[in-house]
Amino acid sequence: MAAHSISAISTGIRPSSRRFTSGSVRSGTAAAVVLFAFGSAASAETVKIAFIDPLSGPFAPIGQNILKEYQHVADQANSKGWAGKDVKFEMVPFDGKASPQESLTQLKSVIDQGIRYVTQGNGSAVALALSDAISKHNERNPGKELVYFNYAAVDPALTNEKCSFWHFRLDANANQKMEALTAYMKDRADIKKVYLINQNYSFGHAVAKAAKEMLARKRPDVEIVGDDLHPLGQVKDFSPYIAKIRQTSADSVITGNWGADLALLIKAAKEANLTANFYTYYAGTTGVPTAMGSAGEDKVRQVAIWSPNEKSFTGKDLREDFDKKYQGDFYTAQTYHGIRLLSEGIRKAKTTDPVKVAHAMRGVKFESINGEVEMRALDHQLQQPLAVLSWQKKNGSTVKYDDEKTGYGWRTESVQPAFVGVQPTSCKMTVPGK
């Protein structure tokens, strides 16, 4: 199949109805099949990756930006031949609307079109539904298996009791991130009263649980003065929540909120002149930097897997080139992880067959833009360094890159090696034969 440039795929475009499946070869010779699987000088192969995430609704700005990031990385992979000069990647967008039901409907379209690789990240409830559906599909349809790259759904269950051979997590999970965040917080004497506010679904529950357990272990003197859960993507005015936080005299807020839910929370805190510091997972995502502006200076921190302002990390060129092309911020290192991991798997397996590639990706170590990472074979949880960052004014040195043209960006407070965040796993994975 001829290679196609992903630049033709734009945000929100419905995917092509044209089918692609490695089982569509109708050659009578084994040699033809081998050439199709490995690629040849005469015929390059396009590996399609279905992107199922919100491209409409309140979380659309994040989904649209990350789709562009994936496209940007795939362009680089294609030009540099990461998976071999005859293998090209193409992102195909599907609007999952951050809904498990909508995402499962889109998954059916993905399967109907013969696409064998899927990526998603916005919403652990969606991730759990997709992982389960893909596992069941693969069991019932040998020869038509799909592999799922989870770039941001960080409920620990996905690599513990709900783990699957077909699921590969590219982000650090909620417990790994909280381990890094609380390791930083334990040395801050100003933290005495902590308020927890999270979205009311599996991920939000996981963040609250990890915060309580890890603070109790590392800082038993810290008091949890509030623990709120609110509907996902439905709250338009967070001022009542901010009023509750103020009443407790909390000096710190821990939240796993993302997208509009975090932007609106930060906006309400700014308008109410709340003096508490925020410790977050996703304050660097689309829309939140603009909501913070100068009011978040030295008051908002986030735990992250990558930052262009951290000197030990690479990827500055990705950030700069992305801004030139899309007039936006590249912040999702997981998109790089995903395309690089798939490329490593294809090279190692010497085929694009999903079953063989999945086997080949297990245990793989490679250099990413945040250092050496490893796809742990036990549970398919990527092991990687984690950084704690604070929102500061751009200064050309520790904060060279600002976010959303605000004049503010992320300064590194600490970088913790991958081994610091290693967590045990209860995963009992069923590994199919090759």
Foldseek 3Di string as FASTA:
>chain_A
DADDQQVVPAQPDAFDLAADALVPDPDPDPVVSLCQFQPDPVAAEEAEEEEEEACDAQQNVQSRVVLLLLSLLQNVCQVVVLLHVRYGYHYGYDHQNLDLVSSVVVVVSCLSRLRAEYEYERYLVNVLSVLVVQQVCCVVDPSSHHAYEHQHNAQQCCLFVSFELRYAYLFHHLLLLLLVLVVVVLPDPVAAEEEEEEEPDRRSVSNVVSNVVSCCVRPVRHHHQYHYYHHPSPDPACLVVLVVVVVSVGQEYEYADEGPVQLRNLLNCLVVVPNHAYEYAYCQGPNNCVSCFPVQAQRYKHKGQDDCLDPQFDDVVSQVVSCVVPVFGDDRQSSNVVVSLLSQLCNQQSGNRSLSSSVSSAQDWDQGRSGIWTLHNSRNYIQGKMWMWGKHACDCHQRVDPHPPSRIHTGTPDIGGRVSSDDDHNDDYDRDDD
